[in-house]
Amino acid sequence: MSEMVRVAVAGDVAEAEEMQEILRAAGIEAELGDGEDDSVTVSVPESSLDEAKDAIEAMTEPGDIVGEP
């Protein structure tokens, strides 16, 4: 199994869970973790990183994602 790497940072749990659902719908495993200042990180297997970025970009508005690693 690949090492998990951060693909995005969400402003809150609801936003992170929305990204996690987008990734699951694309067949990508995703884990949530604590970020800085109440943010939530979204991590995926390293082997799925590019696919995960594409899935998140395709399903969100450009201003919706708080930050990327």
PDB file of N, CA and C in Angstrom:
ATOM      1  N   MET A   1       0.839  -1.186   0.000  1.00  0.00           N
ATOM      2  CA  MET A   1       0.000   0.000   0.000  1.00  0.00           C
ATOM      3  C   MET A   1       0.886   1.253   0.000  1.00  0.00           C
ATOM      4  N   SER A   2       0.447   2.262  -0.710  1.00  0.00           N
ATOM      5  CA  SER A   2       1.207   3.507  -0.809  1.00  0.00           C
ATOM      6  C   SER A   2       1.126   4.313   0.476  1.00  0.00           C
ATOM      7  N   GLU A   3       2.132   5.124   0.699  1.00  0.00           N
ATOM      8  CA  GLU A   3       2.128   6.062   1.816  1.00  0.00           C
ATOM      9  C   GLU A   3       1.060   7.126   1.548  1.00  0.00           C
ATOM     10  N   MET A   4       0.389   7.588   2.612  1.00  0.00           N
ATOM     11  CA  MET A   4      -0.634   8.618   2.466  1.00  0.00           C
ATOM     12  C   MET A   4       0.041   9.987   2.413  1.00  0.00           C
ATOM     13  N   VAL A   5      -0.412  10.822   1.474  1.00  0.00           N
ATOM     14  CA  VAL A   5       0.123  12.173   1.324  1.00  0.00           C
ATOM     15  C   VAL A   5      -1.031  13.162   1.280  1.00  0.00           C
ATOM     16  N   ARG A   6      -0.764  14.375   1.740  1.00  0.00           N
ATOM     17  CA  ARG A   6      -1.804  15.407   1.787  1.00  0.00           C
ATOM     18  C   ARG A   6      -2.088  15.925   0.381  1.00  0.00           C
ATOM     19  N   VAL A   7      -3.374  15.957   0.032  1.00  0.00           N
ATOM     20  CA  VAL A   7      -3.778  16.449  -1.275  1.00  0.00           C
ATOM     21  C   VAL A   7      -4.444  17.820  -1.178  1.00  0.00           C
ATOM     22  N   ALA A   8      -5.046  18.114  -0.007  1.00  0.00           N
ATOM     23  CA  ALA A   8      -5.730  19.397   0.159  1.00  0.00           C
ATOM     24  C   ALA A   8      -5.895  19.711   1.635  1.00  0.00           C
ATOM     25  N   VAL A   9      -6.205  20.978   1.911  1.00  0.00           N
ATOM     26  CA  VAL A   9      -6.524  21.432   3.268  1.00  0.00           C
ATOM     27  C   VAL A   9      -7.882  22.110   3.211  1.00  0.00           C
ATOM     28  N   ALA A  10      -8.792  21.641   4.039  1.00  0.00           N
ATOM     29  CA  ALA A  10     -10.143  22.199   4.078  1.00  0.00           C
ATOM     30  C   ALA A  10     -10.280  23.129   5.280  1.00  0.00           C
ATOM     31  N   GLY A  11     -11.156  24.091   5.163  1.00  0.00           N
ATOM     32  CA  GLY A  11     -11.369  25.054   6.241  1.00  0.00           C
ATOM     33  C   GLY A  11     -12.105  24.489   7.436  1.00  0.00           C
ATOM     34  N   ASP A  12     -12.898  23.425   7.206  1.00  0.00           N
ATOM     35  CA  ASP A  12     -13.636  22.808   8.311  1.00  0.00           C
ATOM     36  C   ASP A  12     -13.942  21.355   7.963  1.00  0.00           C
ATOM     37  N   VAL A  13     -14.518  20.638   8.925  1.00  0.00           N
ATOM     38  CA  VAL A  13     -14.798  19.213   8.758  1.00  0.00           C
ATOM     39  C   VAL A  13     -15.786  18.971   7.619  1.00  0.00           C
ATOM     40  N   ALA A  14     -16.823  19.790   7.509  1.00  0.00           N
ATOM     41  CA  ALA A  14     -17.826  19.595   6.464  1.00  0.00           C
ATOM     42  C   ALA A  14     -17.197  19.673   5.072  1.00  0.00           C
ATOM     43  N   GLU A  15     -16.334  20.644   4.873  1.00  0.00           N
ATOM     44  CA  GLU A  15     -15.657  20.795   3.582  1.00  0.00           C
ATOM     45  C   GLU A  15     -14.738  19.598   3.309  1.00  0.00           C
ATOM     46  N   ALA A  16     -14.032  19.141   4.338  1.00  0.00           N
ATOM     47  CA  ALA A  16     -13.138  17.993   4.184  1.00  0.00           C
ATOM     48  C   ALA A  16     -13.932  16.735   3.854  1.00  0.00           C
ATOM     49  N   GLU A  17     -15.067  16.553   4.520  1.00  0.00           N
ATOM     50  CA  GLU A  17     -15.890  15.381   4.247  1.00  0.00           C
ATOM     51  C   GLU A  17     -16.460  15.422   2.834  1.00  0.00           C
ATOM     52  N   GLU A  18     -16.764  16.617   2.331  1.00  0.00           N
ATOM     53  CA  GLU A  18     -17.239  16.760   0.958  1.00  0.00           C
ATOM     54  C   GLU A  18     -16.141  16.330  -0.024  1.00  0.00           C
ATOM     55  N   MET A  19     -14.909  16.753   0.228  1.00  0.00           N
ATOM     56  CA  MET A  19     -13.796  16.341  -0.625  1.00  0.00           C
ATOM     57  C   MET A  19     -13.574  14.837  -0.533  1.00  0.00           C
ATOM     58  N   GLN A  20     -13.699  14.295   0.671  1.00  0.00           N
ATOM     59  CA  GLN A  20     -13.526  12.858   0.866  1.00  0.00           C
ATOM     60  C   GLN A  20     -14.567  12.086   0.054  1.00  0.00           C
ATOM     61  N   GLU A  21     -15.799  12.558   0.025  1.00  0.00           N
ATOM     62  CA  GLU A  21     -16.851  11.904  -0.753  1.00  0.00           C
ATOM     63  C   GLU A  21     -16.577  12.001  -2.250  1.00  0.00           C
ATOM     64  N   ILE A  22     -16.087  13.153  -2.700  1.00  0.00           N
ATOM     65  CA  ILE A  22     -15.713  13.318  -4.113  1.00  0.00           C
ATOM     66  C   ILE A  22     -14.646  12.282  -4.481  1.00  0.00           C
ATOM     67  N   LEU A  23     -13.660  12.128  -3.610  1.00  0.00           N
ATOM     68  CA  LEU A  23     -12.581  11.184  -3.877  1.00  0.00           C
ATOM     69  C   LEU A  23     -13.082   9.745  -3.851  1.00  0.00           C
ATOM     70  N   ARG A  24     -13.933   9.425  -2.898  1.00  0.00           N
ATOM     71  CA  ARG A  24     -14.487   8.064  -2.842  1.00  0.00           C
ATOM     72  C   ARG A  24     -15.299   7.760  -4.095  1.00  0.00           C
ATOM     73  N   ALA A  25     -16.056   8.738  -4.573  1.00  0.00           N
ATOM     74  CA  ALA A  25     -16.842   8.559  -5.795  1.00  0.00           C
ATOM     75  C   ALA A  25     -15.926   8.285  -6.990  1.00  0.00           C
ATOM     76  N   ALA A  26     -14.708   8.813  -6.936  1.00  0.00           N
ATOM     77  CA  ALA A  26     -13.735   8.589  -7.997  1.00  0.00           C
ATOM     78  C   ALA A  26     -12.924   7.312  -7.760  1.00  0.00           C
ATOM     79  N   GLY A  27     -13.253   6.588  -6.688  1.00  0.00           N
ATOM     80  CA  GLY A  27     -12.555   5.339  -6.389  1.00  0.00           C
ATOM     81  C   GLY A  27     -11.224   5.519  -5.694  1.00  0.00           C
ATOM     82  N   ILE A  28     -11.055   6.649  -5.011  1.00  0.00           N
ATOM     83  CA  ILE A  28      -9.792   6.956  -4.335  1.00  0.00           C
ATOM     84  C   ILE A  28     -10.012   6.968  -2.825  1.00  0.00           C
ATOM     85  N   GLU A  29      -9.215   6.196  -2.109  1.00  0.00           N
ATOM     86  CA  GLU A  29      -9.263   6.180  -0.648  1.00  0.00           C
ATOM     87  C   GLU A  29      -8.792   7.533  -0.127  1.00  0.00           C
ATOM     88  N   ALA A  30      -9.466   8.069   0.874  1.00  0.00           N
ATOM     89  CA  ALA A  30      -9.060   9.357   1.448  1.00  0.00           C
ATOM     90  C   ALA A  30      -9.215   9.318   2.957  1.00  0.00           C
ATOM     91  N   GLU A  31      -8.261   9.933   3.651  1.00  0.00           N
ATOM     92  CA  GLU A  31      -8.286  10.034   5.110  1.00  0.00           C
ATOM     93  C   GLU A  31      -8.266  11.501   5.512  1.00  0.00           C
ATOM     94  N   LEU A  32      -8.974  11.812   6.592  1.00  0.00           N
ATOM     95  CA  LEU A  32      -8.993  13.172   7.121  1.00  0.00           C
ATOM     96  C   LEU A  32      -8.089  13.245   8.334  1.00  0.00           C
ATOM     97  N   GLY A  33      -7.467  14.407   8.536  1.00  0.00           N
ATOM     98  CA  GLY A  33      -6.594  14.605   9.684  1.00  0.00           C
ATOM     99  C   GLY A  33      -6.652  16.047  10.152  1.00  0.00           C
ATOM    100  N   ASP A  34      -6.136  16.291  11.347  1.00  0.00           N
ATOM    101  CA  ASP A  34      -6.119  17.639  11.896  1.00  0.00           C
ATOM    102  C   ASP A  34      -5.054  18.480  11.208  1.00  0.00           C
ATOM    103  N   GLY A  35      -5.446  19.691  10.825  1.00  0.00           N
ATOM    104  CA  GLY A  35      -4.512  20.639  10.246  1.00  0.00           C
ATOM    105  C   GLY A  35      -4.232  21.746  11.242  1.00  0.00           C
ATOM    106  N   GLU A  36      -3.680  22.837  10.771  1.00  0.00           N
ATOM    107  CA  GLU A  36      -3.392  23.980  11.630  1.00  0.00           C
ATOM    108  C   GLU A  36      -4.610  24.892  11.716  1.00  0.00           C
ATOM    109  N   ASP A  37      -4.770  25.577  12.828  1.00  0.00           N
ATOM    110  CA  ASP A  37      -5.831  26.572  13.007  1.00  0.00           C
ATOM    111  C   ASP A  37      -7.213  26.044  12.653  1.00  0.00           C
ATOM    112  N   ASP A  38      -7.577  24.887  13.184  1.00  0.00           N
ATOM    113  CA  ASP A  38      -8.892  24.273  12.983  1.00  0.00           C
ATOM    114  C   ASP A  38      -9.148  23.805  11.553  1.00  0.00           C
ATOM    115  N   SER A  39      -8.148  23.768  10.712  1.00  0.00           N
ATOM    116  CA  SER A  39      -8.335  23.241   9.362  1.00  0.00           C
ATOM    117  C   SER A  39      -8.272  21.708   9.419  1.00  0.00           C
ATOM    118  N   VAL A  40      -8.671  21.079   8.323  1.00  0.00           N
ATOM    119  CA  VAL A  40      -8.673  19.624   8.237  1.00  0.00           C
ATOM    120  C   VAL A  40      -7.923  19.225   6.967  1.00  0.00           C
ATOM    121  N   THR A  41      -6.978  18.308   7.094  1.00  0.00           N
ATOM    122  CA  THR A  41      -6.230  17.858   5.930  1.00  0.00           C
ATOM    123  C   THR A  41      -6.922  16.659   5.291  1.00  0.00           C
ATOM    124  N   VAL A  42      -6.770  16.539   3.984  1.00  0.00           N
ATOM    125  CA  VAL A  42      -7.293  15.404   3.236  1.00  0.00           C
ATOM    126  C   VAL A  42      -6.090  14.711   2.609  1.00  0.00           C
ATOM    127  N   SER A  43      -5.914  13.422   2.942  1.00  0.00           N
ATOM    128  CA  SER A  43      -4.768  12.667   2.446  1.00  0.00           C
ATOM    129  C   SER A  43      -5.231  11.482   1.610  1.00  0.00           C
ATOM    130  N   VAL A  44      -4.418  11.130   0.615  1.00  0.00           N
ATOM    131  CA  VAL A  44      -4.702  10.016  -0.280  1.00  0.00           C
ATOM    132  C   VAL A  44      -3.423   9.199  -0.454  1.00  0.00           C
ATOM    133  N   PRO A  45      -3.545   7.977  -0.966  1.00  0.00           N
ATOM    134  CA  PRO A  45      -2.320   7.218  -1.253  1.00  0.00           C
ATOM    135  C   PRO A  45      -1.459   7.977  -2.263  1.00  0.00           C
ATOM    136  N   GLU A  46      -0.156   7.946  -2.054  1.00  0.00           N
ATOM    137  CA  GLU A  46       0.759   8.687  -2.925  1.00  0.00           C
ATOM    138  C   GLU A  46       0.560   8.315  -4.396  1.00  0.00           C
ATOM    139  N   SER A  47       0.239   7.052  -4.647  1.00  0.00           N
ATOM    140  CA  SER A  47       0.063   6.587  -6.025  1.00  0.00           C
ATOM    141  C   SER A  47      -1.183   7.181  -6.691  1.00  0.00           C
ATOM    142  N   SER A  48      -2.097   7.754  -5.893  1.00  0.00           N
ATOM    143  CA  SER A  48      -3.336   8.337  -6.420  1.00  0.00           C
ATOM    144  C   SER A  48      -3.342   9.861  -6.375  1.00  0.00           C
ATOM    145  N   LEU A  49      -2.223  10.467  -6.038  1.00  0.00           N
ATOM    146  CA  LEU A  49      -2.171  11.913  -5.808  1.00  0.00           C
ATOM    147  C   LEU A  49      -2.644  12.721  -7.016  1.00  0.00           C
ATOM    148  N   ASP A  50      -2.106  12.459  -8.187  1.00  0.00           N
ATOM    149  CA  ASP A  50      -2.491  13.239  -9.370  1.00  0.00           C
ATOM    150  C   ASP A  50      -3.966  13.049  -9.715  1.00  0.00           C
ATOM    151  N   GLU A  51      -4.426  11.813  -9.647  1.00  0.00           N
ATOM    152  CA  GLU A  51      -5.836  11.520  -9.916  1.00  0.00           C
ATOM    153  C   GLU A  51      -6.741  12.228  -8.898  1.00  0.00           C
ATOM    154  N   ALA A  52      -6.319  12.258  -7.639  1.00  0.00           N
ATOM    155  CA  ALA A  52      -7.102  12.910  -6.591  1.00  0.00           C
ATOM    156  C   ALA A  52      -7.183  14.421  -6.828  1.00  0.00           C
ATOM    157  N   LYS A  53      -6.072  15.036  -7.189  1.00  0.00           N
ATOM    158  CA  LYS A  53      -6.072  16.475  -7.481  1.00  0.00           C
ATOM    159  C   LYS A  53      -7.031  16.777  -8.626  1.00  0.00           C
ATOM    160  N   ASP A  54      -6.987  15.949  -9.677  1.00  0.00           N
ATOM    161  CA  ASP A  54      -7.878  16.144 -10.816  1.00  0.00           C
ATOM    162  C   ASP A  54      -9.342  16.010 -10.404  1.00  0.00           C
ATOM    163  N   ALA A  55      -9.652  15.012  -9.567  1.00  0.00           N
ATOM    164  CA  ALA A  55     -11.029  14.790  -9.126  1.00  0.00           C
ATOM    165  C   ALA A  55     -11.540  15.969  -8.302  1.00  0.00           C
ATOM    166  N   ILE A  56     -10.718  16.471  -7.399  1.00  0.00           N
ATOM    167  CA  ILE A  56     -11.128  17.605  -6.563  1.00  0.00           C
ATOM    168  C   ILE A  56     -11.323  18.851  -7.424  1.00  0.00           C
ATOM    169  N   GLU A  57     -10.403  19.112  -8.335  1.00  0.00           N
ATOM    170  CA  GLU A  57     -10.521  20.281  -9.210  1.00  0.00           C
ATOM    171  C   GLU A  57     -11.766  20.197 -10.080  1.00  0.00           C
ATOM    172  N   ALA A  58     -12.083  19.008 -10.570  1.00  0.00           N
ATOM    173  CA  ALA A  58     -13.232  18.827 -11.455  1.00  0.00           C
ATOM    174  C   ALA A  58     -14.564  19.021 -10.723  1.00  0.00           C
ATOM    175  N   MET A  59     -14.580  18.757  -9.422  1.00  0.00           N
ATOM    176  CA  MET A  59     -15.842  18.776  -8.680  1.00  0.00           C
ATOM    177  C   MET A  59     -16.017  19.985  -7.765  1.00  0.00           C
ATOM    178  N   THR A  60     -15.060  20.909  -7.745  1.00  0.00           N
ATOM    179  CA  THR A  60     -15.161  22.079  -6.876  1.00  0.00           C
ATOM    180  C   THR A  60     -14.929  23.350  -7.674  1.00  0.00           C
ATOM    181  N   GLU A  61     -15.390  24.445  -7.133  1.00  0.00           N
ATOM    182  CA  GLU A  61     -15.120  25.752  -7.726  1.00  0.00           C
ATOM    183  C   GLU A  61     -13.701  26.159  -7.335  1.00  0.00           C
ATOM    184  N   PRO A  62     -12.997  26.896  -8.177  1.00  0.00           N
ATOM    185  CA  PRO A  62     -11.598  27.243  -7.893  1.00  0.00           C
ATOM    186  C   PRO A  62     -11.369  27.902  -6.531  1.00  0.00           C
ATOM    187  N   GLY A  63     -12.281  28.721  -6.040  1.00  0.00           N
ATOM    188  CA  GLY A  63     -12.099  29.398  -4.770  1.00  0.00           C
ATOM    189  C   GLY A  63     -12.489  28.583  -3.560  1.00  0.00           C
ATOM    190  N   ASP A  64     -13.034  27.376  -3.760  1.00  0.00           N
ATOM    191  CA  ASP A  64     -13.519  26.574  -2.648  1.00  0.00           C
ATOM    192  C   ASP A  64     -12.415  25.933  -1.827  1.00  0.00           C
ATOM    193  N   ILE A  65     -11.316  25.573  -2.449  1.00  0.00           N
ATOM    194  CA  ILE A  65     -10.239  24.871  -1.736  1.00  0.00           C
ATOM    195  C   ILE A  65      -9.383  25.897  -1.006  1.00  0.00           C
ATOM    196  N   VAL A  66      -9.239  25.684   0.303  1.00  0.00           N
ATOM    197  CA  VAL A  66      -8.499  26.635   1.136  1.00  0.00           C
ATOM    198  C   VAL A  66      -7.030  26.645   0.774  1.00  0.00           C
ATOM    199  N   GLY A  67      -6.442  25.484   0.609  1.00  0.00           N
ATOM    200  CA  GLY A  67      -5.024  25.443   0.290  1.00  0.00           C
ATOM    201  C   GLY A  67      -4.612  24.080  -0.177  1.00  0.00           C
ATOM    202  N   GLU A  68      -3.463  24.012  -0.772  1.00  0.00           N
ATOM    203  CA  GLU A  68      -2.882  22.759  -1.200  1.00  0.00           C
ATOM    204  C   GLU A  68      -1.517  22.654  -0.543  1.00  0.00           C
ATOM    205  N   PRO A  69      -1.048  21.416  -0.384  1.00  0.00           N
ATOM    206  CA  PRO A  69       0.255  21.244   0.274  1.00  0.00           C
ATOM    207  C   PRO A  69       1.383  21.883  -0.500  1.00  0.00           C
TER     208      PRO A  69
END
